[in-house]
Amino acid sequence: MGVTPKVLRATAISNAIRAGASVVTAQKMAGHMTPQVTLMHYAAYFPDDSQSLRRHVDEAWATMLEKRALDAHSATVVKPAEDVETTDVTEFTPVTPTPAKPVVRRAASKRSPEPDRSGTGVDPK
């Protein structure tokens, strides 16, 4: 098999993808109508980002948990003012939500038109 323009084009596109080109860039290079067509032909050349994604998610979680721990540690207890009346929670009665009425949907009637009872055979409309 010799070097043809088609082989050179595929090589250029796959090398661009390996170098970090996006799907849209590869699509434009290939002259495909949609990025989906490009992915059908060149999906194997795109890097598997699952490890990188997992690492970024783990870092984000660790940062969030660390921030929450710092916030909880530095939180100050606020005492109520002496002149503010406090309410005993036992005074409140829980409110039970009223269940919603079920919606009944009826199928559209598919009745046939009324038969001509005049005997003339002419539609009265």
PDB file of N, CA and C in Angstrom:
ATOM      1  N   MET A   1       0.847  -1.167   0.000  1.00  0.00           N
ATOM      2  CA  MET A   1       0.000   0.000   0.000  1.00  0.00           C
ATOM      3  C   MET A   1       0.892   1.230   0.000  1.00  0.00           C
ATOM      4  N   GLY A   2       0.633   2.116  -0.892  1.00  0.00           N
ATOM      5  CA  GLY A   2       1.449   3.311  -1.015  1.00  0.00           C
ATOM      6  C   GLY A   2       0.879   4.467  -0.216  1.00  0.00           C
ATOM      7  N   VAL A   3       1.606   5.548  -0.244  1.00  0.00           N
ATOM      8  CA  VAL A   3       1.157   6.760   0.438  1.00  0.00           C
ATOM      9  C   VAL A   3       0.223   7.489  -0.515  1.00  0.00           C
ATOM     10  N   THR A   4      -1.014   7.655  -0.050  1.00  0.00           N
ATOM     11  CA  THR A   4      -2.029   8.344  -0.855  1.00  0.00           C
ATOM     12  C   THR A   4      -2.456   9.606  -0.106  1.00  0.00           C
ATOM     13  N   PRO A   5      -3.141  10.520  -0.784  1.00  0.00           N
ATOM     14  CA  PRO A   5      -3.638  11.711  -0.093  1.00  0.00           C
ATOM     15  C   PRO A   5      -4.551  11.352   1.088  1.00  0.00           C
ATOM     16  N   LYS A   6      -5.334  10.281   0.943  1.00  0.00           N
ATOM     17  CA  LYS A   6      -6.229   9.861   2.008  1.00  0.00           C
ATOM     18  C   LYS A   6      -5.429   9.420   3.241  1.00  0.00           C
ATOM     19  N   VAL A   7      -4.345   8.696   3.034  1.00  0.00           N
ATOM     20  CA  VAL A   7      -3.499   8.245   4.136  1.00  0.00           C
ATOM     21  C   VAL A   7      -2.816   9.443   4.799  1.00  0.00           C
ATOM     22  N   LEU A   8      -2.323  10.377   3.991  1.00  0.00           N
ATOM     23  CA  LEU A   8      -1.687  11.566   4.548  1.00  0.00           C
ATOM     24  C   LEU A   8      -2.677  12.398   5.369  1.00  0.00           C
ATOM     25  N   ARG A   9      -3.909  12.507   4.862  1.00  0.00           N
ATOM     26  CA  ARG A   9      -4.944  13.264   5.573  1.00  0.00           C
ATOM     27  C   ARG A   9      -5.255  12.610   6.911  1.00  0.00           C
ATOM     28  N   ALA A  10      -5.442  11.300   6.925  1.00  0.00           N
ATOM     29  CA  ALA A  10      -5.744  10.571   8.159  1.00  0.00           C
ATOM     30  C   ALA A  10      -4.587  10.681   9.152  1.00  0.00           C
ATOM     31  N   THR A  11      -3.364  10.632   8.643  1.00  0.00           N
ATOM     32  CA  THR A  11      -2.191  10.760   9.512  1.00  0.00           C
ATOM     33  C   THR A  11      -2.135  12.151  10.134  1.00  0.00           C
ATOM     34  N   ALA A  12      -2.381  13.172   9.317  1.00  0.00           N
ATOM     35  CA  ALA A  12      -2.350  14.546   9.834  1.00  0.00           C
ATOM     36  C   ALA A  12      -3.421  14.741  10.902  1.00  0.00           C
ATOM     37  N   ILE A  13      -4.620  14.213  10.673  1.00  0.00           N
ATOM     38  CA  ILE A  13      -5.710  14.383  11.638  1.00  0.00           C
ATOM     39  C   ILE A  13      -5.406  13.622  12.926  1.00  0.00           C
ATOM     40  N   SER A  14      -4.958  12.375  12.810  1.00  0.00           N
ATOM     41  CA  SER A  14      -4.675  11.587  14.021  1.00  0.00           C
ATOM     42  C   SER A  14      -3.520  12.197  14.816  1.00  0.00           C
ATOM     43  N   ASN A  15      -2.509  12.735  14.135  1.00  0.00           N
ATOM     44  CA  ASN A  15      -1.407  13.401  14.840  1.00  0.00           C
ATOM     45  C   ASN A  15      -1.879  14.678  15.536  1.00  0.00           C
ATOM     46  N   ALA A  16      -2.774  15.409  14.895  1.00  0.00           N
ATOM     47  CA  ALA A  16      -3.321  16.620  15.510  1.00  0.00           C
ATOM     48  C   ALA A  16      -4.109  16.265  16.768  1.00  0.00           C
ATOM     49  N   ILE A  17      -4.884  15.189  16.702  1.00  0.00           N
ATOM     50  CA  ILE A  17      -5.662  14.758  17.868  1.00  0.00           C
ATOM     51  C   ILE A  17      -4.731  14.354  19.002  1.00  0.00           C
ATOM     52  N   ARG A  18      -3.693  13.597  18.681  1.00  0.00           N
ATOM     53  CA  ARG A  18      -2.725  13.182  19.710  1.00  0.00           C
ATOM     54  C   ARG A  18      -2.011  14.383  20.324  1.00  0.00           C
ATOM     55  N   ALA A  19      -1.877  15.457  19.546  1.00  0.00           N
ATOM     56  CA  ALA A  19      -1.210  16.660  20.040  1.00  0.00           C
ATOM     57  C   ALA A  19      -2.157  17.539  20.856  1.00  0.00           C
ATOM     58  N   GLY A  20      -3.452  17.141  20.946  1.00  0.00           N
ATOM     59  CA  GLY A  20      -4.384  17.882  21.785  1.00  0.00           C
ATOM     60  C   GLY A  20      -5.457  18.652  21.042  1.00  0.00           C
ATOM     61  N   ALA A  21      -5.602  18.430  19.750  1.00  0.00           N
ATOM     62  CA  ALA A  21      -6.636  19.134  18.988  1.00  0.00           C
ATOM     63  C   ALA A  21      -8.018  18.687  19.456  1.00  0.00           C
ATOM     64  N   SER A  22      -8.963  19.595  19.439  1.00  0.00           N
ATOM     65  CA  SER A  22     -10.332  19.263  19.844  1.00  0.00           C
ATOM     66  C   SER A  22     -11.047  18.532  18.720  1.00  0.00           C
ATOM     67  N   VAL A  23     -12.220  18.004  19.042  1.00  0.00           N
ATOM     68  CA  VAL A  23     -13.023  17.304  18.036  1.00  0.00           C
ATOM     69  C   VAL A  23     -13.404  18.254  16.912  1.00  0.00           C
ATOM     70  N   VAL A  24     -13.734  19.491  17.271  1.00  0.00           N
ATOM     71  CA  VAL A  24     -14.158  20.463  16.258  1.00  0.00           C
ATOM     72  C   VAL A  24     -12.998  20.803  15.322  1.00  0.00           C
ATOM     73  N   THR A  25     -11.797  20.936  15.880  1.00  0.00           N
ATOM     74  CA  THR A  25     -10.628  21.216  15.038  1.00  0.00           C
ATOM     75  C   THR A  25     -10.373  20.051  14.080  1.00  0.00           C
ATOM     76  N   ALA A  26     -10.449  18.822  14.614  1.00  0.00           N
ATOM     77  CA  ALA A  26     -10.260  17.642  13.766  1.00  0.00           C
ATOM     78  C   ALA A  26     -11.354  17.559  12.710  1.00  0.00           C
ATOM     79  N   GLN A  27     -12.580  17.924  13.081  1.00  0.00           N
ATOM     80  CA  GLN A  27     -13.687  17.921  12.123  1.00  0.00           C
ATOM     81  C   GLN A  27     -13.401  18.873  10.968  1.00  0.00           C
ATOM     82  N   LYS A  28     -12.920  20.071  11.300  1.00  0.00           N
ATOM     83  CA  LYS A  28     -12.621  21.055  10.247  1.00  0.00           C
ATOM     84  C   LYS A  28     -11.476  20.585   9.360  1.00  0.00           C
ATOM     85  N   MET A  29     -10.468  19.956   9.975  1.00  0.00           N
ATOM     86  CA  MET A  29      -9.347  19.446   9.180  1.00  0.00           C
ATOM     87  C   MET A  29      -9.810  18.358   8.216  1.00  0.00           C
ATOM     88  N   ALA A  30     -10.718  17.492   8.717  1.00  0.00           N
ATOM     89  CA  ALA A  30     -11.182  16.370   7.908  1.00  0.00           C
ATOM     90  C   ALA A  30     -12.233  16.782   6.889  1.00  0.00           C
ATOM     91  N   GLY A  31     -12.872  17.920   7.136  1.00  0.00           N
ATOM     92  CA  GLY A  31     -13.922  18.362   6.230  1.00  0.00           C
ATOM     93  C   GLY A  31     -15.237  17.635   6.467  1.00  0.00           C
ATOM     94  N   HIS A  32     -15.407  17.087   7.673  1.00  0.00           N
ATOM     95  CA  HIS A  32     -16.648  16.384   7.990  1.00  0.00           C
ATOM     96  C   HIS A  32     -17.759  17.379   8.282  1.00  0.00           C
ATOM     97  N   MET A  33     -19.003  16.954   8.051  1.00  0.00           N
ATOM     98  CA  MET A  33     -20.160  17.816   8.290  1.00  0.00           C
ATOM     99  C   MET A  33     -20.415  18.041   9.778  1.00  0.00           C
ATOM    100  N   THR A  34     -20.210  17.004  10.599  1.00  0.00           N
ATOM    101  CA  THR A  34     -20.486  17.107  12.031  1.00  0.00           C
ATOM    102  C   THR A  34     -19.341  16.501  12.830  1.00  0.00           C
ATOM    103  N   PRO A  35     -19.194  16.893  14.100  1.00  0.00           N
ATOM    104  CA  PRO A  35     -18.181  16.281  14.954  1.00  0.00           C
ATOM    105  C   PRO A  35     -18.442  14.789  15.177  1.00  0.00           C
ATOM    106  N   GLN A  36     -19.703  14.365  15.097  1.00  0.00           N
ATOM    107  CA  GLN A  36     -20.031  12.958  15.288  1.00  0.00           C
ATOM    108  C   GLN A  36     -19.361  12.086  14.230  1.00  0.00           C
ATOM    109  N   VAL A  37     -19.325  12.572  13.001  1.00  0.00           N
ATOM    110  CA  VAL A  37     -18.671  11.811  11.924  1.00  0.00           C
ATOM    111  C   VAL A  37     -17.181  11.679  12.226  1.00  0.00           C
ATOM    112  N   THR A  38     -16.580  12.748  12.692  1.00  0.00           N
ATOM    113  CA  THR A  38     -15.162  12.720  13.039  1.00  0.00           C
ATOM    114  C   THR A  38     -14.911  11.725  14.163  1.00  0.00           C
ATOM    115  N   LEU A  39     -15.778  11.734  15.176  1.00  0.00           N
ATOM    116  CA  LEU A  39     -15.612  10.789  16.282  1.00  0.00           C
ATOM    117  C   LEU A  39     -15.774   9.346  15.833  1.00  0.00           C
ATOM    118  N   MET A  40     -16.665   9.101  14.872  1.00  0.00           N
ATOM    119  CA  MET A  40     -16.826   7.732  14.377  1.00  0.00           C
ATOM    120  C   MET A  40     -15.524   7.223  13.760  1.00  0.00           C
ATOM    121  N   HIS A  41     -14.791   8.095  13.087  1.00  0.00           N
ATOM    122  CA  HIS A  41     -13.563   7.683  12.409  1.00  0.00           C
ATOM    123  C   HIS A  41     -12.322   7.748  13.295  1.00  0.00           C
ATOM    124  N   TYR A  42     -12.267   8.727  14.201  1.00  0.00           N
ATOM    125  CA  TYR A  42     -11.021   8.987  14.928  1.00  0.00           C
ATOM    126  C   TYR A  42     -11.143   8.889  16.449  1.00  0.00           C
ATOM    127  N   ALA A  43     -12.197   8.273  16.967  1.00  0.00           N
ATOM    128  CA  ALA A  43     -12.414   8.219  18.418  1.00  0.00           C
ATOM    129  C   ALA A  43     -11.256   7.536  19.143  1.00  0.00           C
ATOM    130  N   ALA A  44     -10.646   6.549  18.539  1.00  0.00           N
ATOM    131  CA  ALA A  44      -9.563   5.812  19.201  1.00  0.00           C
ATOM    132  C   ALA A  44      -8.336   6.690  19.437  1.00  0.00           C
ATOM    133  N   TYR A  45      -8.213   7.777  18.696  1.00  0.00           N
ATOM    134  CA  TYR A  45      -7.035   8.635  18.831  1.00  0.00           C
ATOM    135  C   TYR A  45      -7.179   9.673  19.941  1.00  0.00           C
ATOM    136  N   PHE A  46      -8.414   9.893  20.412  1.00  0.00           N
ATOM    137  CA  PHE A  46      -8.611  10.855  21.490  1.00  0.00           C
ATOM    138  C   PHE A  46      -8.185  10.211  22.803  1.00  0.00           C
ATOM    139  N   PRO A  47      -7.513  10.963  23.663  1.00  0.00           N
ATOM    140  CA  PRO A  47      -7.020  10.376  24.918  1.00  0.00           C
ATOM    141  C   PRO A  47      -8.168  10.021  25.857  1.00  0.00           C
ATOM    142  N   ASP A  48      -7.937   8.994  26.661  1.00  0.00           N
ATOM    143  CA  ASP A  48      -8.909   8.604  27.672  1.00  0.00           C
ATOM    144  C   ASP A  48      -8.677   9.496  28.878  1.00  0.00           C
ATOM    145  N   ASP A  49      -9.618  10.384  29.140  1.00  0.00           N
ATOM    146  CA  ASP A  49      -9.461  11.373  30.206  1.00  0.00           C
ATOM    147  C   ASP A  49     -10.019  10.900  31.540  1.00  0.00           C
ATOM    148  N   SER A  50     -10.392   9.631  31.655  1.00  0.00           N
ATOM    149  CA  SER A  50     -11.053   9.194  32.884  1.00  0.00           C
ATOM    150  C   SER A  50     -10.140   9.319  34.103  1.00  0.00           C
ATOM    151  N   GLN A  51      -8.851   9.004  33.958  1.00  0.00           N
ATOM    152  CA  GLN A  51      -7.935   9.128  35.094  1.00  0.00           C
ATOM    153  C   GLN A  51      -7.754  10.592  35.486  1.00  0.00           C
ATOM    154  N   SER A  52      -7.604  11.452  34.499  1.00  0.00           N
ATOM    155  CA  SER A  52      -7.450  12.879  34.769  1.00  0.00           C
ATOM    156  C   SER A  52      -8.718  13.442  35.413  1.00  0.00           C
ATOM    157  N   LEU A  53      -9.870  13.047  34.894  1.00  0.00           N
ATOM    158  CA  LEU A  53     -11.141  13.498  35.445  1.00  0.00           C
ATOM    159  C   LEU A  53     -11.290  13.026  36.888  1.00  0.00           C
ATOM    160  N   ARG A  54     -10.968  11.770  37.148  1.00  0.00           N
ATOM    161  CA  ARG A  54     -11.062  11.228  38.508  1.00  0.00           C
ATOM    162  C   ARG A  54     -10.163  12.008  39.466  1.00  0.00           C
ATOM    163  N   ARG A  55      -8.950  12.347  39.017  1.00  0.00           N
ATOM    164  CA  ARG A  55      -8.013  13.092  39.853  1.00  0.00           C
ATOM    165  C   ARG A  55      -8.563  14.491  40.166  1.00  0.00           C
ATOM    166  N   HIS A  56      -9.135  15.161  39.154  1.00  0.00           N
ATOM    167  CA  HIS A  56      -9.694  16.503  39.362  1.00  0.00           C
ATOM    168  C   HIS A  56     -10.885  16.463  40.320  1.00  0.00           C
ATOM    169  N   VAL A  57     -11.741  15.457  40.190  1.00  0.00           N
ATOM    170  CA  VAL A  57     -12.897  15.337  41.081  1.00  0.00           C
ATOM    171  C   VAL A  57     -12.427  15.073  42.510  1.00  0.00           C
ATOM    172  N   ASP A  58     -11.447  14.194  42.670  1.00  0.00           N
ATOM    173  CA  ASP A  58     -10.903  13.909  44.008  1.00  0.00           C
ATOM    174  C   ASP A  58     -10.307  15.164  44.639  1.00  0.00           C
ATOM    175  N   GLU A  59      -9.592  15.950  43.845  1.00  0.00           N
ATOM    176  CA  GLU A  59      -9.003  17.195  44.366  1.00  0.00           C
ATOM    177  C   GLU A  59     -10.094  18.188  44.771  1.00  0.00           C
ATOM    178  N   ALA A  60     -11.150  18.270  43.973  1.00  0.00           N
ATOM    179  CA  ALA A  60     -12.243  19.190  44.284  1.00  0.00           C
ATOM    180  C   ALA A  60     -12.938  18.771  45.581  1.00  0.00           C
ATOM    181  N   TRP A  61     -13.173  17.471  45.745  1.00  0.00           N
ATOM    182  CA  TRP A  61     -13.796  16.977  46.979  1.00  0.00           C
ATOM    183  C   TRP A  61     -12.908  17.266  48.182  1.00  0.00           C
ATOM    184  N   ALA A  62     -11.619  16.991  48.057  1.00  0.00           N
ATOM    185  CA  ALA A  62     -10.699  17.220  49.168  1.00  0.00           C
ATOM    186  C   ALA A  62     -10.680  18.695  49.562  1.00  0.00           C
ATOM    187  N   THR A  63     -10.677  19.588  48.583  1.00  0.00           N
ATOM    188  CA  THR A  63     -10.686  21.022  48.850  1.00  0.00           C
ATOM    189  C   THR A  63     -11.971  21.429  49.557  1.00  0.00           C
ATOM    190  N   MET A  64     -13.110  20.907  49.087  1.00  0.00           N
ATOM    191  CA  MET A  64     -14.385  21.241  49.687  1.00  0.00           C
ATOM    192  C   MET A  64     -14.456  20.739  51.134  1.00  0.00           C
ATOM    193  N   LEU A  65     -14.032  19.495  51.368  1.00  0.00           N
ATOM    194  CA  LEU A  65     -14.071  18.938  52.725  1.00  0.00           C
ATOM    195  C   LEU A  65     -13.136  19.695  53.664  1.00  0.00           C
ATOM    196  N   GLU A  66     -11.978  20.076  53.150  1.00  0.00           N
ATOM    197  CA  GLU A  66     -11.029  20.846  53.959  1.00  0.00           C
ATOM    198  C   GLU A  66     -11.627  22.201  54.333  1.00  0.00           C
ATOM    199  N   LYS A  67     -12.284  22.852  53.361  1.00  0.00           N
ATOM    200  CA  LYS A  67     -12.900  24.156  53.612  1.00  0.00           C
ATOM    201  C   LYS A  67     -14.013  24.027  54.640  1.00  0.00           C
ATOM    202  N   ARG A  68     -14.816  22.974  54.534  1.00  0.00           N
ATOM    203  CA  ARG A  68     -15.896  22.769  55.504  1.00  0.00           C
ATOM    204  C   ARG A  68     -15.342  22.512  56.899  1.00  0.00           C
ATOM    205  N   ALA A  69     -14.258  21.750  56.964  1.00  0.00           N
ATOM    206  CA  ALA A  69     -13.646  21.473  58.268  1.00  0.00           C
ATOM    207  C   ALA A  69     -13.122  22.765  58.886  1.00  0.00           C
ATOM    208  N   LEU A  70     -12.502  23.620  58.078  1.00  0.00           N
ATOM    209  CA  LEU A  70     -12.007  24.903  58.582  1.00  0.00           C
ATOM    210  C   LEU A  70     -13.156  25.799  59.027  1.00  0.00           C
ATOM    211  N   ASP A  71     -14.239  25.812  58.250  1.00  0.00           N
ATOM    212  CA  ASP A  71     -15.403  26.631  58.599  1.00  0.00           C
ATOM    213  C   ASP A  71     -16.025  26.146  59.907  1.00  0.00           C
ATOM    214  N   ALA A  72     -16.132  24.835  60.073  1.00  0.00           N
ATOM    215  CA  ALA A  72     -16.723  24.283  61.294  1.00  0.00           C
ATOM    216  C   ALA A  72     -15.829  24.569  62.500  1.00  0.00           C
ATOM    217  N   HIS A  73     -14.517  24.512  62.277  1.00  0.00           N
ATOM    218  CA  HIS A  73     -13.579  24.742  63.369  1.00  0.00           C
ATOM    219  C   HIS A  73     -13.580  26.207  63.808  1.00  0.00           C
ATOM    220  N   SER A  74     -13.717  27.102  62.855  1.00  0.00           N
ATOM    221  CA  SER A  74     -13.635  28.526  63.180  1.00  0.00           C
ATOM    222  C   SER A  74     -14.997  29.142  63.490  1.00  0.00           C
ATOM    223  N   ALA A  75     -16.062  28.336  63.433  1.00  0.00           N
ATOM    224  CA  ALA A  75     -17.400  28.878  63.709  1.00  0.00           C
ATOM    225  C   ALA A  75     -17.502  29.284  65.167  1.00  0.00           C
ATOM    226  N   THR A  76     -18.140  30.412  65.396  1.00  0.00           N
ATOM    227  CA  THR A  76     -18.310  30.880  66.766  1.00  0.00           C
ATOM    228  C   THR A  76     -19.742  30.633  67.203  1.00  0.00           C
ATOM    229  N   VAL A  77     -19.923  30.394  68.472  1.00  0.00           N
ATOM    230  CA  VAL A  77     -21.252  30.167  69.010  1.00  0.00           C
ATOM    231  C   VAL A  77     -21.856  31.518  69.357  1.00  0.00           C
ATOM    232  N   VAL A  78     -23.039  31.772  68.842  1.00  0.00           N
ATOM    233  CA  VAL A  78     -23.710  33.040  69.087  1.00  0.00           C
ATOM    234  C   VAL A  78     -24.764  32.801  70.156  1.00  0.00           C
ATOM    235  N   LYS A  79     -24.674  33.563  71.219  1.00  0.00           N
ATOM    236  CA  LYS A  79     -25.646  33.438  72.304  1.00  0.00           C
ATOM    237  C   LYS A  79     -26.788  34.398  72.033  1.00  0.00           C
ATOM    238  N   PRO A  80     -28.030  33.974  72.364  1.00  0.00           N
ATOM    239  CA  PRO A  80     -29.157  34.883  72.143  1.00  0.00           C
ATOM    240  C   PRO A  80     -29.088  36.059  73.100  1.00  0.00           C
ATOM    241  N   ALA A  81     -29.588  37.179  72.659  1.00  0.00           N
ATOM    242  CA  ALA A  81     -29.616  38.378  73.497  1.00  0.00           C
ATOM    243  C   ALA A  81     -30.564  38.153  74.668  1.00  0.00           C
ATOM    244  N   GLU A  82     -30.313  38.833  75.766  1.00  0.00           N
ATOM    245  CA  GLU A  82     -31.108  38.642  76.981  1.00  0.00           C
ATOM    246  C   GLU A  82     -32.557  39.105  76.784  1.00  0.00           C
ATOM    247  N   ASP A  83     -32.778  40.146  75.976  1.00  0.00           N
ATOM    248  CA  ASP A  83     -34.120  40.703  75.857  1.00  0.00           C
ATOM    249  C   ASP A  83     -34.961  40.038  74.763  1.00  0.00           C
ATOM    250  N   VAL A  84     -34.417  39.037  74.088  1.00  0.00           N
ATOM    251  CA  VAL A  84     -35.159  38.374  73.018  1.00  0.00           C
ATOM    252  C   VAL A  84     -35.936  37.214  73.621  1.00  0.00           C
ATOM    253  N   GLU A  85     -37.223  37.177  73.313  1.00  0.00           N
ATOM    254  CA  GLU A  85     -38.069  36.106  73.842  1.00  0.00           C
ATOM    255  C   GLU A  85     -37.816  34.837  73.033  1.00  0.00           C
ATOM    256  N   THR A  86     -37.560  33.769  73.718  1.00  0.00           N
ATOM    257  CA  THR A  86     -37.349  32.499  73.016  1.00  0.00           C
ATOM    258  C   THR A  86     -38.643  31.705  73.051  1.00  0.00           C
ATOM    259  N   THR A  87     -38.851  30.898  72.055  1.00  0.00           N
ATOM    260  CA  THR A  87     -40.064  30.109  71.956  1.00  0.00           C
ATOM    261  C   THR A  87     -39.727  28.641  72.138  1.00  0.00           C
ATOM    262  N   ASP A  88     -40.540  27.980  72.906  1.00  0.00           N
ATOM    263  CA  ASP A  88     -40.333  26.553  73.124  1.00  0.00           C
ATOM    264  C   ASP A  88     -40.804  25.807  71.885  1.00  0.00           C
ATOM    265  N   VAL A  89     -39.984  24.908  71.398  1.00  0.00           N
ATOM    266  CA  VAL A  89     -40.332  24.188  70.177  1.00  0.00           C
ATOM    267  C   VAL A  89     -41.485  23.223  70.373  1.00  0.00           C
ATOM    268  N   THR A  90     -41.799  22.884  71.588  1.00  0.00           N
ATOM    269  CA  THR A  90     -42.907  21.957  71.812  1.00  0.00           C
ATOM    270  C   THR A  90     -44.247  22.607  71.527  1.00  0.00           C
ATOM    271  N   GLU A  91     -44.296  23.946  71.421  1.00  0.00           N
ATOM    272  CA  GLU A  91     -45.542  24.646  71.126  1.00  0.00           C
ATOM    273  C   GLU A  91     -46.007  24.437  69.690  1.00  0.00           C
ATOM    274  N   PHE A  92     -45.097  24.109  68.797  1.00  0.00           N
ATOM    275  CA  PHE A  92     -45.431  24.004  67.387  1.00  0.00           C
ATOM    276  C   PHE A  92     -45.996  22.632  67.052  1.00  0.00           C
ATOM    277  N   THR A  93     -47.048  22.618  66.278  1.00  0.00           N
ATOM    278  CA  THR A  93     -47.634  21.376  65.802  1.00  0.00           C
ATOM    279  C   THR A  93     -47.203  21.180  64.361  1.00  0.00           C
ATOM    280  N   PRO A  94     -46.656  20.014  64.060  1.00  0.00           N
ATOM    281  CA  PRO A  94     -46.240  19.810  62.672  1.00  0.00           C
ATOM    282  C   PRO A  94     -47.442  19.825  61.727  1.00  0.00           C
ATOM    283  N   VAL A  95     -47.261  20.418  60.607  1.00  0.00           N
ATOM    284  CA  VAL A  95     -48.326  20.497  59.611  1.00  0.00           C
ATOM    285  C   VAL A  95     -48.114  19.383  58.603  1.00  0.00           C
ATOM    286  N   THR A  96     -49.165  18.606  58.417  1.00  0.00           N
ATOM    287  CA  THR A  96     -49.070  17.533  57.425  1.00  0.00           C
ATOM    288  C   THR A  96     -49.572  18.069  56.097  1.00  0.00           C
ATOM    289  N   PRO A  97     -48.799  17.900  55.062  1.00  0.00           N
ATOM    290  CA  PRO A  97     -49.254  18.404  53.765  1.00  0.00           C
ATOM    291  C   PRO A  97     -50.468  17.626  53.269  1.00  0.00           C
ATOM    292  N   THR A  98     -51.383  18.337  52.657  1.00  0.00           N
ATOM    293  CA  THR A  98     -52.556  17.687  52.091  1.00  0.00           C
ATOM    294  C   THR A  98     -52.163  17.018  50.784  1.00  0.00           C
ATOM    295  N   PRO A  99     -52.536  15.756  50.618  1.00  0.00           N
ATOM    296  CA  PRO A  99     -52.167  15.106  49.360  1.00  0.00           C
ATOM    297  C   PRO A  99     -52.887  15.750  48.186  1.00  0.00           C
ATOM    298  N   ALA A 100     -52.192  15.832  47.094  1.00  0.00           N
ATOM    299  CA  ALA A 100     -52.767  16.424  45.891  1.00  0.00           C
ATOM    300  C   ALA A 100     -53.799  15.479  45.298  1.00  0.00           C
ATOM    301  N   LYS A 101     -54.832  16.063  44.709  1.00  0.00           N
ATOM    302  CA  LYS A 101     -55.847  15.233  44.067  1.00  0.00           C
ATOM    303  C   LYS A 101     -55.254  14.642  42.798  1.00  0.00           C
ATOM    304  N   PRO A 102     -55.538  13.365  42.535  1.00  0.00           N
ATOM    305  CA  PRO A 102     -54.989  12.769  41.313  1.00  0.00           C
ATOM    306  C   PRO A 102     -55.632  13.388  40.075  1.00  0.00           C
ATOM    307  N   VAL A 103     -54.840  13.541  39.069  1.00  0.00           N
ATOM    308  CA  VAL A 103     -55.331  14.095  37.814  1.00  0.00           C
ATOM    309  C   VAL A 103     -55.819  12.941  36.956  1.00  0.00           C
ATOM    310  N   VAL A 104     -57.065  13.012  36.556  1.00  0.00           N
ATOM    311  CA  VAL A 104     -57.638  11.962  35.719  1.00  0.00           C
ATOM    312  C   VAL A 104     -57.667  12.477  34.295  1.00  0.00           C
ATOM    313  N   ARG A 105     -57.001  11.782  33.453  1.00  0.00           N
ATOM    314  CA  ARG A 105     -56.990  12.171  32.038  1.00  0.00           C
ATOM    315  C   ARG A 105     -57.836  11.171  31.257  1.00  0.00           C
ATOM    316  N   ARG A 106     -58.728  11.692  30.514  1.00  0.00           N
ATOM    317  CA  ARG A 106     -59.590  10.822  29.720  1.00  0.00           C
ATOM    318  C   ARG A 106     -59.120  10.838  28.277  1.00  0.00           C
ATOM    319  N   ALA A 107     -59.196   9.679  27.669  1.00  0.00           N
ATOM    320  CA  ALA A 107     -58.795   9.566  26.268  1.00  0.00           C
ATOM    321  C   ALA A 107     -59.792  10.330  25.406  1.00  0.00           C
ATOM    322  N   ALA A 108     -59.298  10.880  24.330  1.00  0.00           N
ATOM    323  CA  ALA A 108     -60.169  11.612  23.414  1.00  0.00           C
ATOM    324  C   ALA A 108     -61.175  10.646  22.797  1.00  0.00           C
ATOM    325  N   SER A 109     -62.375  11.105  22.687  1.00  0.00           N
ATOM    326  CA  SER A 109     -63.436  10.263  22.133  1.00  0.00           C
ATOM    327  C   SER A 109     -63.221  10.113  20.633  1.00  0.00           C
ATOM    328  N   LYS A 110     -63.376   8.896  20.170  1.00  0.00           N
ATOM    329  CA  LYS A 110     -63.224   8.647  18.733  1.00  0.00           C
ATOM    330  C   LYS A 110     -64.561   8.152  18.174  1.00  0.00           C
ATOM    331  N   ARG A 111     -65.605   8.905  18.465  1.00  0.00           N
ATOM    332  CA  ARG A 111     -66.917   8.506  17.958  1.00  0.00           C
ATOM    333  C   ARG A 111     -67.019   8.817  16.474  1.00  0.00           C
ATOM    334  N   SER A 112     -67.748   7.994  15.809  1.00  0.00           N
ATOM    335  CA  SER A 112     -67.968   8.258  14.389  1.00  0.00           C
ATOM    336  C   SER A 112     -69.013   9.359  14.271  1.00  0.00           C
ATOM    337  N   PRO A 113     -69.008  10.072  13.164  1.00  0.00           N
ATOM    338  CA  PRO A 113     -69.989  11.147  13.010  1.00  0.00           C
ATOM    339  C   PRO A 113     -71.416  10.591  13.063  1.00  0.00           C
ATOM    340  N   GLU A 114     -72.323  11.452  13.493  1.00  0.00           N
ATOM    341  CA  GLU A 114     -73.718  11.039  13.588  1.00  0.00           C
ATOM    342  C   GLU A 114     -74.229  10.635  12.201  1.00  0.00           C
ATOM    343  N   PRO A 115     -74.975   9.541  12.150  1.00  0.00           N
ATOM    344  CA  PRO A 115     -75.504   9.121  10.839  1.00  0.00           C
ATOM    345  C   PRO A 115     -76.616  10.082  10.381  1.00  0.00           C
ATOM    346  N   ASP A 116     -76.791  10.139   9.093  1.00  0.00           N
ATOM    347  CA  ASP A 116     -77.815  11.004   8.504  1.00  0.00           C
ATOM    348  C   ASP A 116     -79.162  10.354   8.757  1.00  0.00           C
ATOM    349  N   ARG A 117     -79.987  10.981   9.590  1.00  0.00           N
ATOM    350  CA  ARG A 117     -81.300  10.400   9.928  1.00  0.00           C
ATOM    351  C   ARG A 117     -82.417  11.053   9.116  1.00  0.00           C
ATOM    352  N   SER A 118     -82.057  12.024   8.297  1.00  0.00           N
ATOM    353  CA  SER A 118     -83.123  12.714   7.541  1.00  0.00           C
ATOM    354  C   SER A 118     -83.583  11.898   6.362  1.00  0.00           C
ATOM    355  N   GLY A 119     -82.772  10.942   5.938  1.00  0.00           N
ATOM    356  CA  GLY A 119     -83.160  10.120   4.808  1.00  0.00           C
ATOM    357  C   GLY A 119     -82.846  10.755   3.473  1.00  0.00           C
ATOM    358  N   THR A 120     -82.288  11.978   3.500  1.00  0.00           N
ATOM    359  CA  THR A 120     -81.997  12.655   2.238  1.00  0.00           C
ATOM    360  C   THR A 120     -80.606  12.308   1.725  1.00  0.00           C
ATOM    361  N   GLY A 121     -79.729  11.833   2.607  1.00  0.00           N
ATOM    362  CA  GLY A 121     -78.368  11.511   2.189  1.00  0.00           C
ATOM    363  C   GLY A 121     -77.494  12.730   2.081  1.00  0.00           C
ATOM    364  N   VAL A 122     -78.003  13.887   2.515  1.00  0.00           N
ATOM    365  CA  VAL A 122     -77.254  15.134   2.447  1.00  0.00           C
ATOM    366  C   VAL A 122     -76.820  15.495   3.874  1.00  0.00           C
ATOM    367  N   ASP A 123     -75.581  15.860   4.001  1.00  0.00           N
ATOM    368  CA  ASP A 123     -75.070  16.280   5.306  1.00  0.00           C
ATOM    369  C   ASP A 123     -75.702  17.604   5.661  1.00  0.00           C
ATOM    370  N   PRO A 124     -76.354  17.714   6.861  1.00  0.00           N
ATOM    371  CA  PRO A 124     -77.076  18.943   7.215  1.00  0.00           C
ATOM    372  C   PRO A 124     -76.156  20.151   7.422  1.00  0.00           C
ATOM    373  N   LYS A 125     -74.894  20.008   7.482  1.00  0.00           N
ATOM    374  CA  LYS A 125     -73.980  21.140   7.729  1.00  0.00           C
ATOM    375  C   LYS A 125     -73.842  21.966   6.551  1.00  0.00           C
TER     376      LYS A 125
END
